[in-house]
Amino acid sequence: VVRLVALNWVELTQGPLALTGIPPFSLGLPGL
């Protein structure tokens, strides 16, 4: 069911076109 939602709710998940440009993690380090 979850897979079908991800595949067909194109407005939110982009469906088979995929979500792209996801940013990498950024960590705040004291002093750095």
PDB file of all heavy atoms in Angstrom:
ATOM      1  N   VAL A   1       0.840  -1.200   0.000  1.00  0.00           N
ATOM      2  CA  VAL A   1       0.000   0.000   0.000  1.00  0.00           C
ATOM      3  C   VAL A   1       0.876   1.251   0.000  1.00  0.00           C
ATOM      4  O   VAL A   1       0.639   2.209  -0.760  1.00  0.00           O
ATOM      5  CB  VAL A   1      -0.944  -0.001   1.216  1.00  0.00           C
ATOM      6  CG1 VAL A   1      -1.600   1.367   1.392  1.00  0.00           C
ATOM      7  CG2 VAL A   1      -2.012  -1.073   1.066  1.00  0.00           C
ATOM      8  N   VAL A   2       1.910   1.255   0.834  1.00  0.00           N
ATOM      9  CA  VAL A   2       2.802   2.409   0.910  1.00  0.00           C
ATOM     10  C   VAL A   2       3.522   2.611  -0.428  1.00  0.00           C
ATOM     11  O   VAL A   2       3.701   3.741  -0.893  1.00  0.00           O
ATOM     12  CB  VAL A   2       3.810   2.236   2.062  1.00  0.00           C
ATOM     13  CG1 VAL A   2       4.824   3.361   2.061  1.00  0.00           C
ATOM     14  CG2 VAL A   2       3.084   2.205   3.398  1.00  0.00           C
ATOM     15  N   ARG A   3       3.941   1.526  -1.059  1.00  0.00           N
ATOM     16  CA  ARG A   3       4.622   1.634  -2.355  1.00  0.00           C
ATOM     17  C   ARG A   3       3.702   2.241  -3.411  1.00  0.00           C
ATOM     18  O   ARG A   3       4.120   3.100  -4.199  1.00  0.00           O
ATOM     19  CB  ARG A   3       5.098   0.253  -2.823  1.00  0.00           C
ATOM     20  CG  ARG A   3       5.953   0.289  -4.083  1.00  0.00           C
ATOM     21  CD  ARG A   3       6.190  -1.102  -4.631  1.00  0.00           C
ATOM     22  NE  ARG A   3       4.970  -1.696  -5.185  1.00  0.00           N
ATOM     23  CZ  ARG A   3       4.528  -1.448  -6.413  1.00  0.00           C
ATOM     24  NH1 ARG A   3       5.200  -0.640  -7.222  1.00  0.00           N
ATOM     25  NH2 ARG A   3       3.418  -2.030  -6.849  1.00  0.00           N
ATOM     26  N   LEU A   4       2.449   1.808  -3.422  1.00  0.00           N
ATOM     27  CA  LEU A   4       1.499   2.340  -4.396  1.00  0.00           C
ATOM     28  C   LEU A   4       1.211   3.822  -4.153  1.00  0.00           C
ATOM     29  O   LEU A   4       1.034   4.596  -5.114  1.00  0.00           O
ATOM     30  CB  LEU A   4       0.202   1.535  -4.357  1.00  0.00           C
ATOM     31  CG  LEU A   4       0.308   0.096  -4.879  1.00  0.00           C
ATOM     32  CD1 LEU A   4      -1.004  -0.648  -4.662  1.00  0.00           C
ATOM     33  CD2 LEU A   4       0.686   0.096  -6.361  1.00  0.00           C
ATOM     34  N   VAL A   5       1.163   4.230  -2.887  1.00  0.00           N
ATOM     35  CA  VAL A   5       0.983   5.656  -2.577  1.00  0.00           C
ATOM     36  C   VAL A   5       2.162   6.460  -3.107  1.00  0.00           C
ATOM     37  O   VAL A   5       1.989   7.513  -3.745  1.00  0.00           O
ATOM     38  CB  VAL A   5       0.821   5.859  -1.061  1.00  0.00           C
ATOM     39  CG1 VAL A   5       0.884   7.348  -0.713  1.00  0.00           C
ATOM     40  CG2 VAL A   5      -0.496   5.268  -0.579  1.00  0.00           C
ATOM     41  N   ALA A   6       3.375   5.976  -2.861  1.00  0.00           N
ATOM     42  CA  ALA A   6       4.562   6.677  -3.346  1.00  0.00           C
ATOM     43  C   ALA A   6       4.606   6.725  -4.871  1.00  0.00           C
ATOM     44  O   ALA A   6       5.083   7.704  -5.460  1.00  0.00           O
ATOM     45  CB  ALA A   6       5.826   6.000  -2.809  1.00  0.00           C
ATOM     46  N   LEU A   7       4.086   5.699  -5.514  1.00  0.00           N
ATOM     47  CA  LEU A   7       4.121   5.629  -6.977  1.00  0.00           C
ATOM     48  C   LEU A   7       3.071   6.528  -7.624  1.00  0.00           C
ATOM     49  O   LEU A   7       3.320   7.133  -8.682  1.00  0.00           O
ATOM     50  CB  LEU A   7       3.913   4.183  -7.422  1.00  0.00           C
ATOM     51  CG  LEU A   7       3.947   3.901  -8.926  1.00  0.00           C
ATOM     52  CD1 LEU A   7       5.334   4.208  -9.496  1.00  0.00           C
ATOM     53  CD2 LEU A   7       3.565   2.449  -9.207  1.00  0.00           C
ATOM     54  N   ASN A   8       1.907   6.653  -6.985  1.00  0.00           N
ATOM     55  CA  ASN A   8       0.777   7.328  -7.640  1.00  0.00           C
ATOM     56  C   ASN A   8       0.506   8.743  -7.133  1.00  0.00           C
ATOM     57  O   ASN A   8      -0.180   9.504  -7.822  1.00  0.00           O
ATOM     58  CB  ASN A   8      -0.488   6.485  -7.466  1.00  0.00           C
ATOM     59  CG  ASN A   8      -0.410   5.172  -8.219  1.00  0.00           C
ATOM     60  OD1 ASN A   8      -0.460   5.141  -9.444  1.00  0.00           O
ATOM     61  ND2 ASN A   8      -0.257   4.078  -7.486  1.00  0.00           N
ATOM     62  N   TRP A   9       1.003   9.107  -5.970  1.00  0.00           N
ATOM     63  CA  TRP A   9       0.793  10.476  -5.482  1.00  0.00           C
ATOM     64  C   TRP A   9       1.897  11.354  -6.079  1.00  0.00           C
ATOM     65  O   TRP A   9       2.805  11.816  -5.398  1.00  0.00           O
ATOM     66  CB  TRP A   9       0.813  10.520  -3.961  1.00  0.00           C
ATOM     67  CG  TRP A   9       0.220  11.781  -3.406  1.00  0.00           C
ATOM     68  CD1 TRP A   9      -0.229  12.867  -4.103  1.00  0.00           C
ATOM     69  CD2 TRP A   9       0.011  12.086  -2.025  1.00  0.00           C
ATOM     70  NE1 TRP A   9      -0.700  13.831  -3.255  1.00  0.00           N
ATOM     71  CE2 TRP A   9      -0.572  13.386  -1.979  1.00  0.00           C
ATOM     72  CE3 TRP A   9       0.249  11.397  -0.847  1.00  0.00           C
ATOM     73  CZ2 TRP A   9      -0.891  13.998  -0.768  1.00  0.00           C
ATOM     74  CZ3 TRP A   9      -0.079  12.004   0.355  1.00  0.00           C
ATOM     75  CH2 TRP A   9      -0.651  13.287   0.396  1.00  0.00           C
ATOM     76  N   VAL A  10       1.791  11.597  -7.362  1.00  0.00           N
ATOM     77  CA  VAL A  10       2.856  12.258  -8.119  1.00  0.00           C
ATOM     78  C   VAL A  10       3.081  13.687  -7.639  1.00  0.00           C
ATOM     79  O   VAL A  10       4.218  14.180  -7.610  1.00  0.00           O
ATOM     80  CB  VAL A  10       2.533  12.228  -9.620  1.00  0.00           C
ATOM     81  CG1 VAL A  10       3.597  12.953 -10.423  1.00  0.00           C
ATOM     82  CG2 VAL A  10       2.383  10.786 -10.097  1.00  0.00           C
ATOM     83  N   GLU A  11       2.008  14.383  -7.245  1.00  0.00           N
ATOM     84  CA  GLU A  11       2.147  15.777  -6.816  1.00  0.00           C
ATOM     85  C   GLU A  11       3.072  15.905  -5.603  1.00  0.00           C
ATOM     86  O   GLU A  11       3.794  16.901  -5.472  1.00  0.00           O
ATOM     87  CB  GLU A  11       0.770  16.357  -6.480  1.00  0.00           C
ATOM     88  CG  GLU A  11       0.803  17.850  -6.170  1.00  0.00           C
ATOM     89  CD  GLU A  11      -0.567  18.387  -5.816  1.00  0.00           C
ATOM     90  OE1 GLU A  11      -1.511  17.577  -5.655  1.00  0.00           O
ATOM     91  OE2 GLU A  11      -0.693  19.615  -5.710  1.00  0.00           O
ATOM     92  N   LEU A  12       3.078  14.892  -4.752  1.00  0.00           N
ATOM     93  CA  LEU A  12       3.914  14.945  -3.551  1.00  0.00           C
ATOM     94  C   LEU A  12       5.254  14.246  -3.755  1.00  0.00           C
ATOM     95  O   LEU A  12       6.310  14.795  -3.412  1.00  0.00           O
ATOM     96  CB  LEU A  12       3.175  14.304  -2.370  1.00  0.00           C
ATOM     97  CG  LEU A  12       3.943  14.241  -1.044  1.00  0.00           C
ATOM     98  CD1 LEU A  12       4.201  15.657  -0.514  1.00  0.00           C
ATOM     99  CD2 LEU A  12       3.175  13.420  -0.005  1.00  0.00           C
ATOM    100  N   THR A  13       5.233  13.035  -4.294  1.00  0.00           N
ATOM    101  CA  THR A  13       6.445  12.203  -4.344  1.00  0.00           C
ATOM    102  C   THR A  13       7.138  12.194  -5.705  1.00  0.00           C
ATOM    103  O   THR A  13       8.193  11.576  -5.832  1.00  0.00           O
ATOM    104  CB  THR A  13       6.092  10.753  -3.982  1.00  0.00           C
ATOM    105  OG1 THR A  13       5.248  10.194  -5.013  1.00  0.00           O
ATOM    106  CG2 THR A  13       5.376  10.673  -2.645  1.00  0.00           C
ATOM    107  N   GLN A  14       6.528  12.835  -6.713  1.00  0.00           N
ATOM    108  CA  GLN A  14       7.030  12.803  -8.098  1.00  0.00           C
ATOM    109  C   GLN A  14       6.912  11.417  -8.731  1.00  0.00           C
ATOM    110  O   GLN A  14       7.356  11.212  -9.861  1.00  0.00           O
ATOM    111  CB  GLN A  14       8.492  13.263  -8.174  1.00  0.00           C
ATOM    112  CG  GLN A  14       8.746  14.654  -7.657  1.00  0.00           C
ATOM    113  CD  GLN A  14       7.952  15.716  -8.423  1.00  0.00           C
ATOM    114  OE1 GLN A  14       7.914  15.698  -9.648  1.00  0.00           O
ATOM    115  NE2 GLN A  14       7.319  16.612  -7.694  1.00  0.00           N
ATOM    116  N   GLY A  15       6.330  10.465  -8.014  1.00  0.00           N
ATOM    117  CA  GLY A  15       6.094   9.135  -8.561  1.00  0.00           C
ATOM    118  C   GLY A  15       7.347   8.504  -9.130  1.00  0.00           C
ATOM    119  O   GLY A  15       8.427   8.570  -8.526  1.00  0.00           O
ATOM    120  N   PRO A  16       7.248   7.900 -10.316  1.00  0.00           N
ATOM    121  CA  PRO A  16       8.421   7.237 -10.916  1.00  0.00           C
ATOM    122  C   PRO A  16       9.494   8.212 -11.376  1.00  0.00           C
ATOM    123  O   PRO A  16      10.611   7.785 -11.718  1.00  0.00           O
ATOM    124  CB  PRO A  16       7.823   6.476 -12.109  1.00  0.00           C
ATOM    125  CG  PRO A  16       6.557   7.206 -12.432  1.00  0.00           C
ATOM    126  CD  PRO A  16       6.036   7.721 -11.120  1.00  0.00           C
ATOM    127  N   LEU A  17       9.181   9.509 -11.399  1.00  0.00           N
ATOM    128  CA  LEU A  17      10.186  10.501 -11.799  1.00  0.00           C
ATOM    129  C   LEU A  17      11.221  10.733 -10.713  1.00  0.00           C
ATOM    130  O   LEU A  17      12.278  11.305 -10.975  1.00  0.00           O
ATOM    131  CB  LEU A  17       9.501  11.834 -12.156  1.00  0.00           C
ATOM    132  CG  LEU A  17       8.518  11.778 -13.337  1.00  0.00           C
ATOM    133  CD1 LEU A  17       7.890  13.143 -13.553  1.00  0.00           C
ATOM    134  CD2 LEU A  17       9.225  11.307 -14.591  1.00  0.00           C
ATOM    135  N   ALA A  18      10.928  10.348  -9.487  1.00  0.00           N
ATOM    136  CA  ALA A  18      11.855  10.386  -8.354  1.00  0.00           C
ATOM    137  C   ALA A  18      11.992  11.789  -7.766  1.00  0.00           C
ATOM    138  O   ALA A  18      11.819  12.801  -8.448  1.00  0.00           O
ATOM    139  CB  ALA A  18      13.237   9.847  -8.741  1.00  0.00           C
ATOM    140  N   LEU A  19      12.296  11.820  -6.496  1.00  0.00           N
ATOM    141  CA  LEU A  19      12.659  13.065  -5.815  1.00  0.00           C
ATOM    142  C   LEU A  19      14.163  13.266  -5.990  1.00  0.00           C
ATOM    143  O   LEU A  19      14.954  12.384  -5.636  1.00  0.00           O
ATOM    144  CB  LEU A  19      12.321  12.988  -4.319  1.00  0.00           C
ATOM    145  CG  LEU A  19      10.848  13.043  -3.932  1.00  0.00           C
ATOM    146  CD1 LEU A  19      10.689  12.805  -2.435  1.00  0.00           C
ATOM    147  CD2 LEU A  19      10.228  14.385  -4.307  1.00  0.00           C
ATOM    148  N   THR A  20      14.548  14.401  -6.517  1.00  0.00           N
ATOM    149  CA  THR A  20      15.965  14.660  -6.781  1.00  0.00           C
ATOM    150  C   THR A  20      16.420  15.905  -6.018  1.00  0.00           C
ATOM    151  O   THR A  20      15.601  16.680  -5.512  1.00  0.00           O
ATOM    152  CB  THR A  20      16.217  14.868  -8.276  1.00  0.00           C
ATOM    153  OG1 THR A  20      15.417  15.975  -8.731  1.00  0.00           O
ATOM    154  CG2 THR A  20      15.839  13.622  -9.070  1.00  0.00           C
ATOM    155  N   GLY A  21      17.728  16.073  -5.964  1.00  0.00           N
ATOM    156  CA  GLY A  21      18.290  17.255  -5.309  1.00  0.00           C
ATOM    157  C   GLY A  21      18.133  17.248  -3.804  1.00  0.00           C
ATOM    158  O   GLY A  21      18.123  18.318  -3.170  1.00  0.00           O
ATOM    159  N   ILE A  22      18.006  16.080  -3.202  1.00  0.00           N
ATOM    160  CA  ILE A  22      17.890  15.989  -1.736  1.00  0.00           C
ATOM    161  C   ILE A  22      19.203  16.470  -1.114  1.00  0.00           C
ATOM    162  O   ILE A  22      20.276  15.977  -1.479  1.00  0.00           O
ATOM    163  CB  ILE A  22      17.593  14.542  -1.304  1.00  0.00           C
ATOM    164  CG1 ILE A  22      16.306  14.046  -1.986  1.00  0.00           C
ATOM    165  CG2 ILE A  22      17.466  14.446   0.210  1.00  0.00           C
ATOM    166  CD1 ILE A  22      16.056  12.563  -1.800  1.00  0.00           C
ATOM    167  N   PRO A  23      19.147  17.417  -0.203  1.00  0.00           N
ATOM    168  CA  PRO A  23      20.398  17.955   0.354  1.00  0.00           C
ATOM    169  C   PRO A  23      21.079  16.963   1.286  1.00  0.00           C
ATOM    170  O   PRO A  23      20.411  16.161   1.955  1.00  0.00           O
ATOM    171  CB  PRO A  23      19.938  19.203   1.117  1.00  0.00           C
ATOM    172  CG  PRO A  23      18.513  18.918   1.466  1.00  0.00           C
ATOM    173  CD  PRO A  23      17.953  18.104   0.334  1.00  0.00           C
ATOM    174  N   PRO A  24      22.413  17.003   1.357  1.00  0.00           N
ATOM    175  CA  PRO A  24      23.131  16.138   2.304  1.00  0.00           C
ATOM    176  C   PRO A  24      22.978  16.659   3.730  1.00  0.00           C
ATOM    177  O   PRO A  24      22.538  17.795   3.953  1.00  0.00           O
ATOM    178  CB  PRO A  24      24.584  16.235   1.826  1.00  0.00           C
ATOM    179  CG  PRO A  24      24.662  17.578   1.177  1.00  0.00           C
ATOM    180  CD  PRO A  24      23.327  17.825   0.538  1.00  0.00           C
ATOM    181  N   PHE A  25      23.353  15.835   4.693  1.00  0.00           N
ATOM    182  CA  PHE A  25      23.291  16.245   6.087  1.00  0.00           C
ATOM    183  C   PHE A  25      24.281  17.361   6.364  1.00  0.00           C
ATOM    184  O   PHE A  25      25.391  17.391   5.815  1.00  0.00           O
ATOM    185  CB  PHE A  25      23.603  15.058   7.013  1.00  0.00           C
ATOM    186  CG  PHE A  25      22.440  14.142   7.232  1.00  0.00           C
ATOM    187  CD1 PHE A  25      22.406  12.897   6.634  1.00  0.00           C
ATOM    188  CD2 PHE A  25      21.377  14.525   8.036  1.00  0.00           C
ATOM    189  CE1 PHE A  25      21.340  12.047   6.838  1.00  0.00           C
ATOM    190  CE2 PHE A  25      20.298  13.680   8.243  1.00  0.00           C
ATOM    191  CZ  PHE A  25      20.281  12.443   7.645  1.00  0.00           C
ATOM    192  N   SER A  26      23.876  18.271   7.239  1.00  0.00           N
ATOM    193  CA  SER A  26      24.759  19.316   7.741  1.00  0.00           C
ATOM    194  C   SER A  26      24.735  19.252   9.260  1.00  0.00           C
ATOM    195  O   SER A  26      23.656  19.244   9.869  1.00  0.00           O
ATOM    196  CB  SER A  26      24.311  20.707   7.265  1.00  0.00           C
ATOM    197  OG  SER A  26      24.404  20.803   5.862  1.00  0.00           O
ATOM    198  N   LEU A  27      25.900  19.189   9.859  1.00  0.00           N
ATOM    199  CA  LEU A  27      26.014  19.070  11.307  1.00  0.00           C
ATOM    200  C   LEU A  27      26.705  20.299  11.861  1.00  0.00           C
ATOM    201  O   LEU A  27      27.738  20.741  11.338  1.00  0.00           O
ATOM    202  CB  LEU A  27      26.801  17.811  11.687  1.00  0.00           C
ATOM    203  CG  LEU A  27      26.249  16.476  11.178  1.00  0.00           C
ATOM    204  CD1 LEU A  27      27.157  15.331  11.597  1.00  0.00           C
ATOM    205  CD2 LEU A  27      24.840  16.246  11.697  1.00  0.00           C
ATOM    206  N   GLY A  28      26.127  20.860  12.934  1.00  0.00           N
ATOM    207  CA  GLY A  28      26.748  21.993  13.608  1.00  0.00           C
ATOM    208  C   GLY A  28      27.719  21.514  14.665  1.00  0.00           C
ATOM    209  O   GLY A  28      27.332  20.797  15.593  1.00  0.00           O
ATOM    210  N   LEU A  29      28.972  21.880  14.537  1.00  0.00           N
ATOM    211  CA  LEU A  29      30.012  21.473  15.480  1.00  0.00           C
ATOM    212  C   LEU A  29      30.488  22.680  16.268  1.00  0.00           C
ATOM    213  O   LEU A  29      30.780  23.737  15.683  1.00  0.00           O
ATOM    214  CB  LEU A  29      31.195  20.836  14.739  1.00  0.00           C
ATOM    215  CG  LEU A  29      30.864  19.604  13.896  1.00  0.00           C
ATOM    216  CD1 LEU A  29      32.104  19.109  13.154  1.00  0.00           C
ATOM    217  CD2 LEU A  29      30.302  18.494  14.774  1.00  0.00           C
ATOM    218  N   PRO A  30      30.572  22.576  17.616  1.00  0.00           N
ATOM    219  CA  PRO A  30      31.013  23.714  18.433  1.00  0.00           C
ATOM    220  C   PRO A  30      32.399  24.193  18.013  1.00  0.00           C
ATOM    221  O   PRO A  30      33.349  23.425  17.932  1.00  0.00           O
ATOM    222  CB  PRO A  30      31.042  23.122  19.856  1.00  0.00           C
ATOM    223  CG  PRO A  30      30.116  21.951  19.800  1.00  0.00           C
ATOM    224  CD  PRO A  30      30.244  21.398  18.423  1.00  0.00           C
ATOM    225  N   GLY A  31      32.487  25.487  17.736  1.00  0.00           N
ATOM    226  CA  GLY A  31      33.761  26.082  17.377  1.00  0.00           C
ATOM    227  C   GLY A  31      34.144  25.915  15.921  1.00  0.00           C
ATOM    228  O   GLY A  31      35.099  26.558  15.457  1.00  0.00           O
ATOM    229  N   LEU A  32      33.434  25.047  15.200  1.00  0.00           N
ATOM    230  CA  LEU A  32      33.774  24.803  13.792  1.00  0.00           C
ATOM    231  C   LEU A  32      32.664  25.225  12.843  1.00  0.00           C
ATOM    232  O   LEU A  32      32.839  25.152  11.628  1.00  0.00           O
ATOM    233  CB  LEU A  32      34.087  23.305  13.578  1.00  0.00           C
ATOM    234  CG  LEU A  32      35.284  22.737  14.335  1.00  0.00           C
ATOM    235  CD1 LEU A  32      35.397  21.247  14.086  1.00  0.00           C
ATOM    236  CD2 LEU A  32      36.570  23.445  13.917  1.00  0.00           C
TER     237      LEU A  32
END
